């Protein structure tokens, strides 16, 4: 099984209304300093509607990039109950999902 598929399977565990970070997802996959690798995997997500790559954010609480634009990502997160102000997630620590 490829790393991409393993990462996508892991990401499916993050429920609506919760987020994880590129770094946390990398750590759970055993990738030390693998944030960029996770970013590339998210960018290449073939099923963004099914695999919720919009729930992966920066470790400083910023929303971060998205294939369809940061505004779309913010809107998707907002619809799931994540509050965002000036590009940052409010109550970031309370919204994080821990694997």
PDB file of N, CA and C in Angstrom:
ATOM      1  N   UNK A   1       0.845  -1.180   0.000  1.00  0.00           N
ATOM      2  CA  UNK A   1       0.000   0.000   0.000  1.00  0.00           C
ATOM      3  C   UNK A   1       0.893   1.247   0.000  1.00  0.00           C
ATOM      4  N   UNK A   2       0.552   2.227  -0.799  1.00  0.00           N
ATOM      5  CA  UNK A   2       1.382   3.418  -0.877  1.00  0.00           C
ATOM      6  C   UNK A   2       1.163   4.322   0.326  1.00  0.00           C
ATOM      7  N   UNK A   3       2.142   5.162   0.578  1.00  0.00           N
ATOM      8  CA  UNK A   3       2.053   6.104   1.687  1.00  0.00           C
ATOM      9  C   UNK A   3       0.836   7.004   1.526  1.00  0.00           C
ATOM     10  N   UNK A   4       0.566   7.460   0.309  1.00  0.00           N
ATOM     11  CA  UNK A   4      -0.577   8.338   0.083  1.00  0.00           C
ATOM     12  C   UNK A   4      -1.869   7.694   0.584  1.00  0.00           C
ATOM     13  N   UNK A   5      -2.086   6.454   0.212  1.00  0.00           N
ATOM     14  CA  UNK A   5      -3.312   5.757   0.622  1.00  0.00           C
ATOM     15  C   UNK A   5      -3.359   5.596   2.128  1.00  0.00           C
ATOM     16  N   UNK A   6      -2.237   5.286   2.749  1.00  0.00           N
ATOM     17  CA  UNK A   6      -2.196   5.158   4.205  1.00  0.00           C
ATOM     18  C   UNK A   6      -2.539   6.481   4.879  1.00  0.00           C
ATOM     19  N   UNK A   7      -2.020   7.583   4.349  1.00  0.00           N
ATOM     20  CA  UNK A   7      -2.310   8.909   4.902  1.00  0.00           C
ATOM     21  C   UNK A   7      -3.785   9.228   4.728  1.00  0.00           C
ATOM     22  N   UNK A   8      -4.344   8.970   3.556  1.00  0.00           N
ATOM     23  CA  UNK A   8      -5.761   9.243   3.314  1.00  0.00           C
ATOM     24  C   UNK A   8      -6.645   8.424   4.258  1.00  0.00           C
ATOM     25  N   UNK A   9      -6.287   7.168   4.493  1.00  0.00           N
ATOM     26  CA  UNK A   9      -7.052   6.335   5.421  1.00  0.00           C
ATOM     27  C   UNK A   9      -7.008   6.923   6.834  1.00  0.00           C
ATOM     28  N   UNK A  10      -5.837   7.371   7.237  1.00  0.00           N
ATOM     29  CA  UNK A  10      -5.687   7.963   8.566  1.00  0.00           C
ATOM     30  C   UNK A  10      -6.529   9.240   8.665  1.00  0.00           C
ATOM     31  N   UNK A  11      -6.513  10.048   7.626  1.00  0.00           N
ATOM     32  CA  UNK A  11      -7.248  11.308   7.620  1.00  0.00           C
ATOM     33  C   UNK A  11      -8.753  11.096   7.707  1.00  0.00           C
ATOM     34  N   UNK A  12      -9.238   9.990   7.192  1.00  0.00           N
ATOM     35  CA  UNK A  12     -10.669   9.686   7.270  1.00  0.00           C
ATOM     36  C   UNK A  12     -11.157   9.558   8.717  1.00  0.00           C
ATOM     37  N   UNK A  13     -10.243   9.380   9.654  1.00  0.00           N
ATOM     38  CA  UNK A  13     -10.606   9.267  11.067  1.00  0.00           C
ATOM     39  C   UNK A  13     -10.893  10.618  11.711  1.00  0.00           C
ATOM     40  N   UNK A  14     -10.480  11.712  11.075  1.00  0.00           N
ATOM     41  CA  UNK A  14     -10.700  13.049  11.633  1.00  0.00           C
ATOM     42  C   UNK A  14     -12.155  13.433  11.367  1.00  0.00           C
ATOM     43  N   UNK A  15     -12.963  13.571  12.434  1.00  0.00           N
ATOM     44  CA  UNK A  15     -14.392  13.843  12.244  1.00  0.00           C
ATOM     45  C   UNK A  15     -14.690  15.297  11.875  1.00  0.00           C
ATOM     46  N   UNK A  16     -15.887  15.521  11.372  1.00  0.00           N
ATOM     47  CA  UNK A  16     -16.343  16.882  11.077  1.00  0.00           C
ATOM     48  C   UNK A  16     -16.240  17.712  12.348  1.00  0.00           C
ATOM     49  N   UNK A  17     -15.850  18.963  12.186  1.00  0.00           N
ATOM     50  CA  UNK A  17     -15.741  19.854  13.335  1.00  0.00           C
ATOM     51  C   UNK A  17     -14.417  19.752  14.067  1.00  0.00           C
ATOM     52  N   UNK A  18     -13.521  18.931  13.560  1.00  0.00           N
ATOM     53  CA  UNK A  18     -12.195  18.773  14.156  1.00  0.00           C
ATOM     54  C   UNK A  18     -11.155  18.946  13.064  1.00  0.00           C
ATOM     55  N   UNK A  19      -9.937  19.249  13.470  1.00  0.00           N
ATOM     56  CA  UNK A  19      -8.835  19.436  12.528  1.00  0.00           C
ATOM     57  C   UNK A  19      -7.601  18.707  13.045  1.00  0.00           C
ATOM     58  N   UNK A  20      -6.657  18.511  12.159  1.00  0.00           N
ATOM     59  CA  UNK A  20      -5.341  18.015  12.538  1.00  0.00           C
ATOM     60  C   UNK A  20      -4.333  18.898  11.811  1.00  0.00           C
ATOM     61  N   UNK A  21      -3.073  18.744  12.151  1.00  0.00           N
ATOM     62  CA  UNK A  21      -2.048  19.553  11.489  1.00  0.00           C
ATOM     63  C   UNK A  21      -1.222  18.671  10.556  1.00  0.00           C
ATOM     64  N   UNK A  22      -0.541  19.343   9.640  1.00  0.00           N
ATOM     65  CA  UNK A  22       0.355  18.620   8.732  1.00  0.00           C
ATOM     66  C   UNK A  22       1.395  17.855   9.551  1.00  0.00           C
ATOM     67  N   UNK A  23       1.932  18.503  10.585  1.00  0.00           N
ATOM     68  CA  UNK A  23       2.953  17.882  11.423  1.00  0.00           C
ATOM     69  C   UNK A  23       2.437  16.703  12.218  1.00  0.00           C
ATOM     70  N   UNK A  24       1.237  16.854  12.805  1.00  0.00           N
ATOM     71  CA  UNK A  24       0.664  15.750  13.586  1.00  0.00           C
ATOM     72  C   UNK A  24       0.352  14.547  12.702  1.00  0.00           C
ATOM     73  N   UNK A  25      -0.146  14.824  11.509  1.00  0.00           N
ATOM     74  CA  UNK A  25      -0.438  13.736  10.583  1.00  0.00           C
ATOM     75  C   UNK A  25       0.856  13.042  10.153  1.00  0.00           C
ATOM     76  N   UNK A  26       1.900  13.827   9.941  1.00  0.00           N
ATOM     77  CA  UNK A  26       3.201  13.257   9.587  1.00  0.00           C
ATOM     78  C   UNK A  26       3.727  12.368  10.717  1.00  0.00           C
ATOM     79  N   UNK A  27       3.639  12.863  11.951  1.00  0.00           N
ATOM     80  CA  UNK A  27       4.129  12.082  13.103  1.00  0.00           C
ATOM     81  C   UNK A  27       3.380  10.767  13.242  1.00  0.00           C
ATOM     82  N   UNK A  28       2.068  10.811  13.091  1.00  0.00           N
ATOM     83  CA  UNK A  28       1.287   9.593  13.241  1.00  0.00           C
ATOM     84  C   UNK A  28       1.607   8.571  12.150  1.00  0.00           C
ATOM     85  N   UNK A  29       2.160   9.062  11.031  1.00  0.00           N
ATOM     86  CA  UNK A  29       2.568   8.180   9.942  1.00  0.00           C
ATOM     87  C   UNK A  29       4.034   7.767  10.064  1.00  0.00           C
ATOM     88  N   UNK A  30       4.709   8.244  11.121  1.00  0.00           N
ATOM     89  CA  UNK A  30       6.111   7.897  11.323  1.00  0.00           C
ATOM     90  C   UNK A  30       7.080   8.709  10.482  1.00  0.00           C
ATOM     91  N   UNK A  31       6.632   9.867  10.007  1.00  0.00           N
ATOM     92  CA  UNK A  31       7.478  10.729   9.177  1.00  0.00           C
ATOM     93  C   UNK A  31       8.013  11.885  10.021  1.00  0.00           C
ATOM     94  N   UNK A  32       9.257  11.786  10.435  1.00  0.00           N
ATOM     95  CA  UNK A  32       9.858  12.865  11.204  1.00  0.00           C
ATOM     96  C   UNK A  32      10.071  14.061  10.273  1.00  0.00           C
ATOM     97  N   UNK A  33       9.605  15.233  10.689  1.00  0.00           N
ATOM     98  CA  UNK A  33       9.686  16.451   9.865  1.00  0.00           C
ATOM     99  C   UNK A  33       9.050  16.237   8.487  1.00  0.00           C
ATOM    100  N   UNK A  34       7.931  15.551   8.461  1.00  0.00           N
ATOM    101  CA  UNK A  34       7.281  15.210   7.199  1.00  0.00           C
ATOM    102  C   UNK A  34       6.124  16.105   6.810  1.00  0.00           C
ATOM    103  N   UNK A  35       6.072  17.326   7.380  1.00  0.00           N
ATOM    104  CA  UNK A  35       4.966  18.234   7.098  1.00  0.00           C
ATOM    105  C   UNK A  35       4.823  18.523   5.607  1.00  0.00           C
ATOM    106  N   UNK A  36       5.944  18.774   4.961  1.00  0.00           N
ATOM    107  CA  UNK A  36       5.903  19.091   3.527  1.00  0.00           C
ATOM    108  C   UNK A  36       5.411  17.882   2.717  1.00  0.00           C
ATOM    109  N   UNK A  37       5.854  16.711   3.109  1.00  0.00           N
ATOM    110  CA  UNK A  37       5.406  15.504   2.407  1.00  0.00           C
ATOM    111  C   UNK A  37       3.894  15.346   2.541  1.00  0.00           C
ATOM    112  N   UNK A  38       3.371  15.620   3.726  1.00  0.00           N
ATOM    113  CA  UNK A  38       1.920  15.551   3.937  1.00  0.00           C
ATOM    114  C   UNK A  38       1.215  16.602   3.077  1.00  0.00           C
ATOM    115  N   UNK A  39       1.798  17.789   2.992  1.00  0.00           N
ATOM    116  CA  UNK A  39       1.226  18.838   2.151  1.00  0.00           C
ATOM    117  C   UNK A  39       1.126  18.415   0.692  1.00  0.00           C
ATOM    118  N   UNK A  40       2.161  17.761   0.206  1.00  0.00           N
ATOM    119  CA  UNK A  40       2.163  17.280  -1.180  1.00  0.00           C
ATOM    120  C   UNK A  40       1.095  16.196  -1.362  1.00  0.00           C
ATOM    121  N   UNK A  41       0.987  15.315  -0.388  1.00  0.00           N
ATOM    122  CA  UNK A  41      -0.022  14.253  -0.454  1.00  0.00           C
ATOM    123  C   UNK A  41      -1.422  14.864  -0.453  1.00  0.00           C
ATOM    124  N   UNK A  42      -1.648  15.872   0.374  1.00  0.00           N
ATOM    125  CA  UNK A  42      -2.952  16.542   0.409  1.00  0.00           C
ATOM    126  C   UNK A  42      -3.237  17.234  -0.925  1.00  0.00           C
ATOM    127  N   UNK A  43      -2.226  17.851  -1.488  1.00  0.00           N
ATOM    128  CA  UNK A  43      -2.380  18.550  -2.769  1.00  0.00           C
ATOM    129  C   UNK A  43      -2.775  17.579  -3.877  1.00  0.00           C
ATOM    130  N   UNK A  44      -2.311  16.345  -3.786  1.00  0.00           N
ATOM    131  CA  UNK A  44      -2.583  15.333  -4.812  1.00  0.00           C
ATOM    132  C   UNK A  44      -3.790  14.455  -4.498  1.00  0.00           C
ATOM    133  N   UNK A  45      -4.575  14.842  -3.495  1.00  0.00           N
ATOM    134  CA  UNK A  45      -5.757  14.080  -3.093  1.00  0.00           C
ATOM    135  C   UNK A  45      -6.712  13.956  -4.287  1.00  0.00           C
ATOM    136  N   UNK A  46      -6.941  12.733  -4.782  1.00  0.00           N
ATOM    137  CA  UNK A  46      -7.816  12.565  -5.941  1.00  0.00           C
ATOM    138  C   UNK A  46      -9.310  12.658  -5.602  1.00  0.00           C
ATOM    139  N   UNK A  47      -9.647  12.594  -4.325  1.00  0.00           N
ATOM    140  CA  UNK A  47     -11.046  12.608  -3.897  1.00  0.00           C
ATOM    141  C   UNK A  47     -11.267  13.591  -2.741  1.00  0.00           C
ATOM    142  N   UNK A  48     -11.082  14.907  -2.990  1.00  0.00           N
ATOM    143  CA  UNK A  48     -11.174  15.879  -1.896  1.00  0.00           C
ATOM    144  C   UNK A  48     -12.547  15.951  -1.229  1.00  0.00           C
ATOM    145  N   UNK A  49     -13.592  15.516  -1.913  1.00  0.00           N
ATOM    146  CA  UNK A  49     -14.920  15.513  -1.293  1.00  0.00           C
ATOM    147  C   UNK A  49     -15.029  14.360  -0.299  1.00  0.00           C
ATOM    148  N   UNK A  50     -14.379  13.258  -0.595  1.00  0.00           N
ATOM    149  CA  UNK A  50     -14.445  12.067   0.258  1.00  0.00           C
ATOM    150  C   UNK A  50     -13.354  12.085   1.325  1.00  0.00           C
ATOM    151  N   UNK A  51     -12.135  12.379   0.920  1.00  0.00           N
ATOM    152  CA  UNK A  51     -11.003  12.420   1.852  1.00  0.00           C
ATOM    153  C   UNK A  51     -10.841  13.877   2.290  1.00  0.00           C
ATOM    154  N   UNK A  52     -11.132  14.183   3.550  1.00  0.00           N
ATOM    155  CA  UNK A  52     -11.241  15.565   4.024  1.00  0.00           C
ATOM    156  C   UNK A  52      -9.913  16.291   4.250  1.00  0.00           C
ATOM    157  N   UNK A  53      -9.179  16.514   3.168  1.00  0.00           N
ATOM    158  CA  UNK A  53      -7.887  17.181   3.311  1.00  0.00           C
ATOM    159  C   UNK A  53      -8.034  18.629   3.790  1.00  0.00           C
ATOM    160  N   UNK A  54      -9.244  19.191   3.700  1.00  0.00           N
ATOM    161  CA  UNK A  54      -9.466  20.545   4.215  1.00  0.00           C
ATOM    162  C   UNK A  54      -9.346  20.594   5.740  1.00  0.00           C
ATOM    163  N   UNK A  55      -9.353  19.454   6.393  1.00  0.00           N
ATOM    164  CA  UNK A  55      -9.231  19.394   7.859  1.00  0.00           C
ATOM    165  C   UNK A  55      -7.785  19.364   8.331  1.00  0.00           C
ATOM    166  N   UNK A  56      -6.846  19.468   7.396  1.00  0.00           N
ATOM    167  CA  UNK A  56      -5.424  19.514   7.748  1.00  0.00           C
ATOM    168  C   UNK A  56      -4.975  20.967   7.654  1.00  0.00           C
ATOM    169  N   UNK A  57      -4.470  21.493   8.790  1.00  0.00           N
ATOM    170  CA  UNK A  57      -4.100  22.902   8.882  1.00  0.00           C
ATOM    171  C   UNK A  57      -2.677  23.048   9.404  1.00  0.00           C
ATOM    172  N   UNK A  58      -2.198  24.274   9.410  1.00  0.00           N
ATOM    173  CA  UNK A  58      -0.848  24.556   9.911  1.00  0.00           C
ATOM    174  C   UNK A  58      -0.802  24.437  11.434  1.00  0.00           C
ATOM    175  N   UNK A  59       0.364  24.133  11.961  1.00  0.00           N
ATOM    176  CA  UNK A  59       0.531  23.934  13.403  1.00  0.00           C
ATOM    177  C   UNK A  59       0.397  25.221  14.205  1.00  0.00           C
ATOM    178  N   UNK A  60       0.441  26.369  13.548  1.00  0.00           N
ATOM    179  CA  UNK A  60       0.262  27.643  14.265  1.00  0.00           C
ATOM    180  C   UNK A  60      -1.199  28.089  14.278  1.00  0.00           C
ATOM    181  N   UNK A  61      -2.094  27.244  13.774  1.00  0.00           N
ATOM    182  CA  UNK A  61      -3.515  27.554  13.778  1.00  0.00           C
ATOM    183  C   UNK A  61      -4.018  28.234  12.520  1.00  0.00           C
ATOM    184  N   UNK A  62      -3.111  28.532  11.590  1.00  0.00           N
ATOM    185  CA  UNK A  62      -3.547  29.121  10.324  1.00  0.00           C
ATOM    186  C   UNK A  62      -4.183  28.041   9.457  1.00  0.00           C
ATOM    187  N   UNK A  63      -5.138  28.459   8.651  1.00  0.00           N
ATOM    188  CA  UNK A  63      -5.860  27.524   7.804  1.00  0.00           C
ATOM    189  C   UNK A  63      -4.933  26.830   6.821  1.00  0.00           C
ATOM    190  N   UNK A  64      -4.060  27.559   6.174  1.00  0.00           N
ATOM    191  CA  UNK A  64      -3.132  26.964   5.219  1.00  0.00           C
ATOM    192  C   UNK A  64      -3.738  26.819   3.840  1.00  0.00           C
ATOM    193  N   UNK A  65      -2.981  26.240   2.945  1.00  0.00           N
ATOM    194  CA  UNK A  65      -3.384  26.132   1.553  1.00  0.00           C
ATOM    195  C   UNK A  65      -4.408  25.048   1.300  1.00  0.00           C
ATOM    196  N   UNK A  66      -4.971  25.145   0.085  1.00  0.00           N
ATOM    197  CA  UNK A  66      -5.969  24.174  -0.353  1.00  0.00           C
ATOM    198  C   UNK A  66      -6.024  24.235  -1.870  1.00  0.00           C
ATOM    199  N   UNK A  67      -6.208  23.115  -2.504  1.00  0.00           N
ATOM    200  CA  UNK A  67      -6.212  23.058  -3.969  1.00  0.00           C
ATOM    201  C   UNK A  67      -7.248  23.994  -4.585  1.00  0.00           C
ATOM    202  N   UNK A  68      -8.356  24.218  -3.884  1.00  0.00           N
ATOM    203  CA  UNK A  68      -9.428  25.073  -4.402  1.00  0.00           C
ATOM    204  C   UNK A  68      -9.419  26.461  -3.767  1.00  0.00           C
ATOM    205  N   UNK A  69      -8.331  26.785  -3.086  1.00  0.00           N
ATOM    206  CA  UNK A  69      -8.177  28.107  -2.489  1.00  0.00           C
ATOM    207  C   UNK A  69      -8.460  28.124  -0.997  1.00  0.00           C
ATOM    208  N   UNK A  70      -7.752  29.014  -0.319  1.00  0.00           N
ATOM    209  CA  UNK A  70      -7.885  29.119   1.130  1.00  0.00           C
ATOM    210  C   UNK A  70      -9.295  29.539   1.548  1.00  0.00           C
ATOM    211  N   UNK A  71      -9.935  30.379   0.753  1.00  0.00           N
ATOM    212  CA  UNK A  71     -11.297  30.828   1.082  1.00  0.00           C
ATOM    213  C   UNK A  71     -12.271  29.649   1.067  1.00  0.00           C
ATOM    214  N   UNK A  72     -12.136  28.782   0.077  1.00  0.00           N
ATOM    215  CA  UNK A  72     -12.985  27.589   0.001  1.00  0.00           C
ATOM    216  C   UNK A  72     -12.734  26.690   1.206  1.00  0.00           C
ATOM    217  N   UNK A  73     -11.466  26.516   1.563  1.00  0.00           N
ATOM    218  CA  UNK A  73     -11.110  25.681   2.722  1.00  0.00           C
ATOM    219  C   UNK A  73     -11.717  26.268   3.989  1.00  0.00           C
ATOM    220  N   UNK A  74     -11.603  27.572   4.157  1.00  0.00           N
ATOM    221  CA  UNK A  74     -12.165  28.241   5.339  1.00  0.00           C
ATOM    222  C   UNK A  74     -13.680  28.074   5.383  1.00  0.00           C
ATOM    223  N   UNK A  75     -14.343  28.204   4.237  1.00  0.00           N
ATOM    224  CA  UNK A  75     -15.794  28.033   4.182  1.00  0.00           C
ATOM    225  C   UNK A  75     -16.202  26.613   4.555  1.00  0.00           C
ATOM    226  N   UNK A  76     -15.454  25.637   4.068  1.00  0.00           N
ATOM    227  CA  UNK A  76     -15.754  24.238   4.381  1.00  0.00           C
ATOM    228  C   UNK A  76     -15.597  23.976   5.873  1.00  0.00           C
ATOM    229  N   UNK A  77     -14.517  24.495   6.452  1.00  0.00           N
ATOM    230  CA  UNK A  77     -14.289  24.313   7.888  1.00  0.00           C
ATOM    231  C   UNK A  77     -15.368  25.024   8.695  1.00  0.00           C
ATOM    232  N   UNK A  78     -15.742  26.214   8.269  1.00  0.00           N
ATOM    233  CA  UNK A  78     -16.790  26.967   8.977  1.00  0.00           C
ATOM    234  C   UNK A  78     -18.106  26.202   8.981  1.00  0.00           C
ATOM    235  N   UNK A  79     -18.447  25.595   7.866  1.00  0.00           N
ATOM    236  CA  UNK A  79     -19.683  24.805   7.775  1.00  0.00           C
ATOM    237  C   UNK A  79     -19.665  23.603   8.707  1.00  0.00           C
ATOM    238  N   UNK A  80     -18.456  23.176   9.085  1.00  0.00           N
ATOM    239  CA  UNK A  80     -18.312  22.041  10.002  1.00  0.00           C
ATOM    240  C   UNK A  80     -18.210  22.493  11.460  1.00  0.00           C
ATOM    241  N   UNK A  81     -18.323  23.802  11.693  1.00  0.00           N
ATOM    242  CA  UNK A  81     -18.308  24.296  13.065  1.00  0.00           C
ATOM    243  C   UNK A  81     -16.983  24.847  13.545  1.00  0.00           C
ATOM    244  N   UNK A  82     -16.033  25.008  12.659  1.00  0.00           N
ATOM    245  CA  UNK A  82     -14.737  25.583  13.017  1.00  0.00           C
ATOM    246  C   UNK A  82     -14.835  27.101  12.831  1.00  0.00           C
ATOM    247  N   UNK A  83     -14.502  27.856  13.867  1.00  0.00           N
ATOM    248  CA  UNK A  83     -14.544  29.311  13.789  1.00  0.00           C
ATOM    249  C   UNK A  83     -13.174  29.829  13.384  1.00  0.00           C
ATOM    250  N   UNK A  84     -13.169  30.677  12.361  1.00  0.00           N
ATOM    251  CA  UNK A  84     -11.927  31.214  11.807  1.00  0.00           C
ATOM    252  C   UNK A  84     -12.005  32.734  11.820  1.00  0.00           C
ATOM    253  N   UNK A  85     -10.928  33.347  12.278  1.00  0.00           N
ATOM    254  CA  UNK A  85     -10.855  34.800  12.292  1.00  0.00           C
ATOM    255  C   UNK A  85      -9.479  35.205  11.788  1.00  0.00           C
ATOM    256  N   UNK A  86      -9.454  36.055  10.778  1.00  0.00           N
ATOM    257  CA  UNK A  86      -8.194  36.533  10.174  1.00  0.00           C
ATOM    258  C   UNK A  86      -7.290  35.369   9.750  1.00  0.00           C
ATOM    259  N   UNK A  87      -7.901  34.322   9.206  1.00  0.00           N
ATOM    260  CA  UNK A  87      -7.133  33.188   8.697  1.00  0.00           C
ATOM    261  C   UNK A  87      -6.639  32.210   9.745  1.00  0.00           C
ATOM    262  N   UNK A  88      -7.044  32.432  11.021  1.00  0.00           N
ATOM    263  CA  UNK A  88      -6.611  31.528  12.100  1.00  0.00           C
ATOM    264  C   UNK A  88      -7.822  30.881  12.757  1.00  0.00           C
ATOM    265  N   UNK A  89      -7.631  29.654  13.189  1.00  0.00           N
ATOM    266  CA  UNK A  89      -8.687  28.897  13.847  1.00  0.00           C
ATOM    267  C   UNK A  89      -8.756  29.289  15.313  1.00  0.00           C
ATOM    268  N   UNK A  90      -9.954  29.723  15.727  1.00  0.00           N
ATOM    269  CA  UNK A  90     -10.163  30.047  17.137  1.00  0.00           C
ATOM    270  C   UNK A  90     -10.349  28.740  17.906  1.00  0.00           C
ATOM    271  N   UNK A  91      -9.940  28.725  19.158  1.00  0.00           N
ATOM    272  CA  UNK A  91      -9.986  27.508  19.979  1.00  0.00           C
ATOM    273  C   UNK A  91      -9.258  26.353  19.298  1.00  0.00           C
ATOM    274  N   UNK A  92      -8.130  26.692  18.696  1.00  0.00           N
ATOM    275  CA  UNK A  92      -7.338  25.734  17.930  1.00  0.00           C
ATOM    276  C   UNK A  92      -7.073  24.448  18.710  1.00  0.00           C
ATOM    277  N   UNK A  93      -6.586  24.575  19.946  1.00  0.00           N
ATOM    278  CA  UNK A  93      -6.253  23.387  20.728  1.00  0.00           C
ATOM    279  C   UNK A  93      -7.471  22.533  21.049  1.00  0.00           C
ATOM    280  N   UNK A  94      -8.624  23.154  21.201  1.00  0.00           N
ATOM    281  CA  UNK A  94      -9.848  22.407  21.506  1.00  0.00           C
ATOM    282  C   UNK A  94     -10.412  21.706  20.279  1.00  0.00           C
ATOM    283  N   UNK A  95     -10.060  22.185  19.107  1.00  0.00           N
ATOM    284  CA  UNK A  95     -10.582  21.609  17.861  1.00  0.00           C
ATOM    285  C   UNK A  95      -9.674  20.536  17.273  1.00  0.00           C
ATOM    286  N   UNK A  96      -8.442  20.427  17.814  1.00  0.00           N
ATOM    287  CA  UNK A  96      -7.494  19.446  17.271  1.00  0.00           C
ATOM    288  C   UNK A  96      -7.943  18.024  17.579  1.00  0.00           C
ATOM    289  N   UNK A  97      -7.775  17.185  16.598  1.00  0.00           N
ATOM    290  CA  UNK A  97      -8.033  15.763  16.755  1.00  0.00           C
ATOM    291  C   UNK A  97      -6.702  15.067  17.005  1.00  0.00           C
ATOM    292  N   UNK A  98      -6.675  14.230  18.028  1.00  0.00           N
ATOM    293  CA  UNK A  98      -5.452  13.502  18.345  1.00  0.00           C
ATOM    294  C   UNK A  98      -5.630  12.036  17.981  1.00  0.00           C
ATOM    295  N   UNK A  99      -4.700  11.532  17.195  1.00  0.00           N
ATOM    296  CA  UNK A  99      -4.752  10.140  16.743  1.00  0.00           C
ATOM    297  C   UNK A  99      -4.352   9.217  17.865  1.00  0.00           C
TER     298      UNK A  99
END
